[in-house]
PDB file of N, CA and C in Angstrom:
ATOM      1  N   UNK A   1      50.814  -1.988 118.249  1.00  0.00           N
ATOM      2  CA  UNK A   1      50.290  -1.805 116.910  1.00  0.00           C
ATOM      3  C   UNK A   1      50.815  -2.914 116.005  1.00  0.00           C
ATOM      4  N   UNK A   2      49.959  -3.454 115.195  1.00  0.00           N
ATOM      5  CA  UNK A   2      50.345  -4.506 114.252  1.00  0.00           C
ATOM      6  C   UNK A   2      50.788  -3.844 112.958  1.00  0.00           C
ATOM      7  N   UNK A   3      51.941  -4.280 112.437  1.00  0.00           N
ATOM      8  CA  UNK A   3      52.459  -3.717 111.193  1.00  0.00           C
ATOM      9  C   UNK A   3      51.654  -4.237 110.013  1.00  0.00           C
ATOM     10  N   UNK A   4      51.284  -3.337 109.148  1.00  0.00           N
ATOM     11  CA  UNK A   4      50.578  -3.694 107.925  1.00  0.00           C
ATOM     12  C   UNK A   4      51.597  -4.163 106.887  1.00  0.00           C
ATOM     13  N   UNK A   5      51.164  -5.015 105.926  1.00  0.00           N
ATOM     14  CA  UNK A   5      52.092  -5.431 104.870  1.00  0.00           C
ATOM     15  C   UNK A   5      52.729  -4.222 104.205  1.00  0.00           C
ATOM     16  N   UNK A   6      54.031  -4.308 104.030  1.00  0.00           N
ATOM     17  CA  UNK A   6      54.772  -3.215 103.399  1.00  0.00           C
ATOM     18  C   UNK A   6      55.367  -2.240 104.404  1.00  0.00           C
ATOM     19  N   UNK A   7      54.924  -2.302 105.668  1.00  0.00           N
ATOM     20  CA  UNK A   7      55.470  -1.434 106.698  1.00  0.00           C
ATOM     21  C   UNK A   7      56.630  -2.129 107.392  1.00  0.00           C
ATOM     22  N   UNK A   8      57.466  -1.321 108.027  1.00  0.00           N
ATOM     23  CA  UNK A   8      58.565  -1.876 108.798  1.00  0.00           C
ATOM     24  C   UNK A   8      58.001  -2.765 109.900  1.00  0.00           C
ATOM     25  N   UNK A   9      58.535  -3.951 110.053  1.00  0.00           N
ATOM     26  CA  UNK A   9      58.071  -4.891 111.060  1.00  0.00           C
ATOM     27  C   UNK A   9      57.061  -5.888 110.537  1.00  0.00           C
ATOM     28  N   UNK A  10      56.571  -5.685 109.321  1.00  0.00           N
ATOM     29  CA  UNK A  10      55.618  -6.634 108.740  1.00  0.00           C
ATOM     30  C   UNK A  10      56.369  -7.901 108.332  1.00  0.00           C
ATOM     31  N   UNK A  11      55.675  -9.016 108.397  1.00  0.00           N
ATOM     32  CA  UNK A  11      56.284 -10.273 107.976  1.00  0.00           C
ATOM     33  C   UNK A  11      56.426 -10.292 106.465  1.00  0.00           C
ATOM     34  N   UNK A  12      57.566 -10.734 105.947  1.00  0.00           N
ATOM     35  CA  UNK A  12      57.698 -10.853 104.494  1.00  0.00           C
ATOM     36  C   UNK A  12      56.641 -11.797 103.949  1.00  0.00           C
ATOM     37  N   UNK A  13      56.033 -11.395 102.862  1.00  0.00           N
ATOM     38  CA  UNK A  13      55.029 -12.235 102.236  1.00  0.00           C
ATOM     39  C   UNK A  13      53.683 -12.164 102.907  1.00  0.00           C
ATOM     40  N   UNK A  14      53.512 -11.262 103.864  1.00  0.00           N
ATOM     41  CA  UNK A  14      52.217 -11.175 104.532  1.00  0.00           C
ATOM     42  C   UNK A  14      51.267 -10.340 103.711  1.00  0.00           C
ATOM     43  N   UNK A  15      49.998 -10.509 103.972  1.00  0.00           N
ATOM     44  CA  UNK A  15      48.993  -9.736 103.252  1.00  0.00           C
ATOM     45  C   UNK A  15      48.271 -10.590 102.250  1.00  0.00           C
ATOM     46  N   UNK A  16      47.164 -10.067 101.727  1.00  0.00           N
ATOM     47  CA  UNK A  16      46.340 -10.837 100.800  1.00  0.00           C
ATOM     48  C   UNK A  16      47.108 -11.341  99.583  1.00  0.00           C
ATOM     49  N   UNK A  17      46.914 -12.595  99.279  1.00  0.00           N
ATOM     50  CA  UNK A  17      47.489 -13.166  98.067  1.00  0.00           C
ATOM     51  C   UNK A  17      48.954 -13.516  98.155  1.00  0.00           C
ATOM     52  N   UNK A  18      49.528 -13.454  99.336  1.00  0.00           N
ATOM     53  CA  UNK A  18      50.956 -13.689  99.431  1.00  0.00           C
ATOM     54  C   UNK A  18      51.329 -14.978 100.142  1.00  0.00           C
ATOM     55  N   UNK A  19      50.338 -15.716 100.663  1.00  0.00           N
ATOM     56  CA  UNK A  19      50.660 -16.994 101.309  1.00  0.00           C
ATOM     57  C   UNK A  19      51.659 -16.841 102.422  1.00  0.00           C
ATOM     58  N   UNK A  20      51.455 -15.869 103.306  1.00  0.00           N
ATOM     59  CA  UNK A  20      52.384 -15.580 104.388  1.00  0.00           C
ATOM     60  C   UNK A  20      52.457 -16.688 105.414  1.00  0.00           C
ATOM     61  N   UNK A  21      53.338 -16.493 106.381  1.00  0.00           N
ATOM     62  CA  UNK A  21      53.570 -17.500 107.411  1.00  0.00           C
ATOM     63  C   UNK A  21      52.302 -17.805 108.194  1.00  0.00           C
ATOM     64  N   UNK A  22      51.491 -16.804 108.483  1.00  0.00           N
ATOM     65  CA  UNK A  22      50.258 -17.050 109.225  1.00  0.00           C
ATOM     66  C   UNK A  22      49.299 -17.926 108.425  1.00  0.00           C
ATOM     67  N   UNK A  23      49.241 -17.713 107.126  1.00  0.00           N
ATOM     68  CA  UNK A  23      48.375 -18.541 106.282  1.00  0.00           C
ATOM     69  C   UNK A  23      48.834 -19.988 106.305  1.00  0.00           C
ATOM     70  N   UNK A  24      50.137 -20.199 106.279  1.00  0.00           N
ATOM     71  CA  UNK A  24      50.667 -21.566 106.339  1.00  0.00           C
ATOM     72  C   UNK A  24      50.386 -22.212 107.688  1.00  0.00           C
ATOM     73  N   UNK A  25      50.409 -21.416 108.765  1.00  0.00           N
ATOM     74  CA  UNK A  25      50.094 -21.959 110.088  1.00  0.00           C
ATOM     75  C   UNK A  25      48.624 -22.357 110.178  1.00  0.00           C
ATOM     76  N   UNK A  26      47.759 -21.627 109.520  1.00  0.00           N
ATOM     77  CA  UNK A  26      46.338 -21.977 109.481  1.00  0.00           C
ATOM     78  C   UNK A  26      46.136 -23.240 108.657  1.00  0.00           C
ATOM     79  N   UNK A  27      46.852 -23.360 107.547  1.00  0.00           N
ATOM     80  CA  UNK A  27      46.680 -24.483 106.630  1.00  0.00           C
ATOM     81  C   UNK A  27      47.251 -25.795 107.173  1.00  0.00           C
ATOM     82  N   UNK A  28      48.325 -25.731 107.926  1.00  0.00           N
ATOM     83  CA  UNK A  28      49.049 -26.936 108.340  1.00  0.00           C
ATOM     84  C   UNK A  28      48.180 -27.981 109.041  1.00  0.00           C
ATOM     85  N   UNK A  29      47.363 -27.622 110.028  1.00  0.00           N
ATOM     86  CA  UNK A  29      46.575 -28.664 110.697  1.00  0.00           C
ATOM     87  C   UNK A  29      45.503 -29.283 109.807  1.00  0.00           C
ATOM     88  N   UNK A  30      45.144 -28.630 108.736  1.00  0.00           N
ATOM     89  CA  UNK A  30      44.112 -29.155 107.836  1.00  0.00           C
ATOM     90  C   UNK A  30      44.676 -30.105 106.787  1.00  0.00           C
ATOM     91  N   UNK A  31      45.921 -29.934 106.424  1.00  0.00           N
ATOM     92  CA  UNK A  31      46.500 -30.703 105.316  1.00  0.00           C
ATOM     93  C   UNK A  31      46.617 -32.190 105.648  1.00  0.00           C
ATOM     94  N   UNK A  32      47.205 -32.527 106.786  1.00  0.00           N
ATOM     95  CA  UNK A  32      47.473 -33.925 107.113  1.00  0.00           C
ATOM     96  C   UNK A  32      46.211 -34.786 107.156  1.00  0.00           C
ATOM     97  N   UNK A  33      45.154 -34.370 107.872  1.00  0.00           N
ATOM     98  CA  UNK A  33      43.953 -35.216 107.893  1.00  0.00           C
ATOM     99  C   UNK A  33      43.038 -35.020 106.686  1.00  0.00           C
ATOM    100  N   UNK A  34      43.435 -34.160 105.747  1.00  0.00           N
ATOM    101  CA  UNK A  34      42.636 -33.964 104.544  1.00  0.00           C
ATOM    102  C   UNK A  34      41.417 -33.081 104.739  1.00  0.00           C
ATOM    103  N   UNK A  35      41.475 -32.186 105.704  1.00  0.00           N
ATOM    104  CA  UNK A  35      40.365 -31.271 105.952  1.00  0.00           C
ATOM    105  C   UNK A  35      40.469 -30.041 105.066  1.00  0.00           C
ATOM    106  N   UNK A  36      39.390 -29.307 104.961  1.00  0.00           N
ATOM    107  CA  UNK A  36      39.382 -28.074 104.167  1.00  0.00           C
ATOM    108  C   UNK A  36      39.493 -26.868 105.080  1.00  0.00           C
ATOM    109  N   UNK A  37      40.107 -25.829 104.568  1.00  0.00           N
ATOM    110  CA  UNK A  37      40.133 -24.534 105.237  1.00  0.00           C
ATOM    111  C   UNK A  37      39.005 -23.712 104.628  1.00  0.00           C
ATOM    112  N   UNK A  38      38.138 -23.188 105.473  1.00  0.00           N
ATOM    113  CA  UNK A  38      37.045 -22.343 105.006  1.00  0.00           C
ATOM    114  C   UNK A  38      37.512 -20.898 105.107  1.00  0.00           C
ATOM    115  N   UNK A  39      37.486 -20.192 103.988  1.00  0.00           N
ATOM    116  CA  UNK A  39      37.985 -18.817 103.946  1.00  0.00           C
ATOM    117  C   UNK A  39      37.283 -18.048 102.846  1.00  0.00           C
ATOM    118  N   UNK A  40      37.258 -16.753 102.986  1.00  0.00           N
ATOM    119  CA  UNK A  40      36.801 -15.921 101.875  1.00  0.00           C
ATOM    120  C   UNK A  40      37.993 -15.191 101.263  1.00  0.00           C
ATOM    121  N   UNK A  41      39.185 -15.681 101.575  1.00  0.00           N
ATOM    122  CA  UNK A  41      40.424 -15.152 100.991  1.00  0.00           C
ATOM    123  C   UNK A  41      41.212 -16.317 100.386  1.00  0.00           C
ATOM    124  N   UNK A  42      40.604 -16.949  99.400  1.00  0.00           N
ATOM    125  CA  UNK A  42      41.206 -18.149  98.798  1.00  0.00           C
ATOM    126  C   UNK A  42      42.610 -17.907  98.266  1.00  0.00           C
ATOM    127  N   UNK A  43      42.836 -16.754  97.709  1.00  0.00           N
ATOM    128  CA  UNK A  43      44.148 -16.505  97.091  1.00  0.00           C
ATOM    129  C   UNK A  43      45.278 -16.454  98.110  1.00  0.00           C
ATOM    130  N   UNK A  44      44.948 -16.264  99.394  1.00  0.00           N
ATOM    131  CA  UNK A  44      45.987 -16.292 100.425  1.00  0.00           C
ATOM    132  C   UNK A  44      46.648 -17.662 100.509  1.00  0.00           C
ATOM    133  N   UNK A  45      45.960 -18.698 100.043  1.00  0.00           N
ATOM    134  CA  UNK A  45      46.474 -20.056 100.144  1.00  0.00           C
ATOM    135  C   UNK A  45      46.977 -20.592  98.805  1.00  0.00           C
ATOM    136  N   UNK A  46      47.016 -19.743  97.779  1.00  0.00           N
ATOM    137  CA  UNK A  46      47.593 -20.148  96.495  1.00  0.00           C
ATOM    138  C   UNK A  46      49.033 -20.599  96.725  1.00  0.00           C
ATOM    139  N   UNK A  47      49.388 -21.704  96.143  1.00  0.00           N
ATOM    140  CA  UNK A  47      50.753 -22.196  96.271  1.00  0.00           C
ATOM    141  C   UNK A  47      50.984 -23.031  97.528  1.00  0.00           C
ATOM    142  N   UNK A  48      49.938 -23.271  98.317  1.00  0.00           N
ATOM    143  CA  UNK A  48      50.080 -24.144  99.482  1.00  0.00           C
ATOM    144  C   UNK A  48      49.736 -25.553  99.033  1.00  0.00           C
ATOM    145  N   UNK A  49      50.741 -26.415  98.904  1.00  0.00           N
ATOM    146  CA  UNK A  49      50.487 -27.756  98.387  1.00  0.00           C
ATOM    147  C   UNK A  49      49.643 -28.598  99.329  1.00  0.00           C
ATOM    148  N   UNK A  50      48.692 -29.341  98.771  1.00  0.00           N
ATOM    149  CA  UNK A  50      47.898 -30.284  99.520  1.00  0.00           C
ATOM    150  C   UNK A  50      46.719 -29.698 100.281  1.00  0.00           C
ATOM    151  N   UNK A  51      46.473 -28.400 100.150  1.00  0.00           N
ATOM    152  CA  UNK A  51      45.388 -27.771 100.910  1.00  0.00           C
ATOM    153  C   UNK A  51      44.091 -27.782 100.107  1.00  0.00           C
ATOM    154  N   UNK A  52      43.010 -28.114 100.787  1.00  0.00           N
ATOM    155  CA  UNK A  52      41.674 -28.023 100.193  1.00  0.00           C
ATOM    156  C   UNK A  52      41.034 -26.742 100.722  1.00  0.00           C
ATOM    157  N   UNK A  53      40.490 -25.939  99.829  1.00  0.00           N
ATOM    158  CA  UNK A  53      39.895 -24.653 100.198  1.00  0.00           C
ATOM    159  C   UNK A  53      38.408 -24.703  99.933  1.00  0.00           C
ATOM    160  N   UNK A  54      37.630 -24.198 100.874  1.00  0.00           N
ATOM    161  CA  UNK A  54      36.193 -24.035 100.687  1.00  0.00           C
ATOM    162  C   UNK A  54      35.850 -22.577 100.902  1.00  0.00           C
ATOM    163  N   UNK A  55      35.172 -21.996  99.938  1.00  0.00           N
ATOM    164  CA  UNK A  55      34.724 -20.618 100.074  1.00  0.00           C
ATOM    165  C   UNK A  55      33.229 -20.618 100.313  1.00  0.00           C
ATOM    166  N   UNK A  56      32.804 -19.991 101.384  1.00  0.00           N
ATOM    167  CA  UNK A  56      31.382 -19.896 101.688  1.00  0.00           C
ATOM    168  C   UNK A  56      30.834 -18.542 101.283  1.00  0.00           C
ATOM    169  N   UNK A  57      31.591 -17.796 100.485  1.00  0.00           N
ATOM    170  CA  UNK A  57      31.141 -16.470 100.082  1.00  0.00           C
ATOM    171  C   UNK A  57      30.278 -16.524  98.837  1.00  0.00           C
ATOM    172  N   UNK A  58      30.367 -17.598  98.087  1.00  0.00           N
ATOM    173  CA  UNK A  58      29.574 -17.726  96.853  1.00  0.00           C
ATOM    174  C   UNK A  58      28.245 -18.401  97.186  1.00  0.00           C
ATOM    175  N   UNK A  59      27.125 -17.879  96.638  1.00  0.00           N
ATOM    176  CA  UNK A  59      25.829 -18.512  96.930  1.00  0.00           C
ATOM    177  C   UNK A  59      25.693 -19.884  96.293  1.00  0.00           C
TER     178      UNK A  59
END
């Protein structure tokens, strides 16, 4: 079972809007070559320096 944010065993800072470790792992390969991360959870990457975000949820 995967721990939900706020439960015992959850990663600190995990969950929507918290820029958790998994979000940083997703962002890292995109930052160096200047690529964008496509997501519908833009706020998860708030505070990640150098990341370009593209949201495909808006028409």
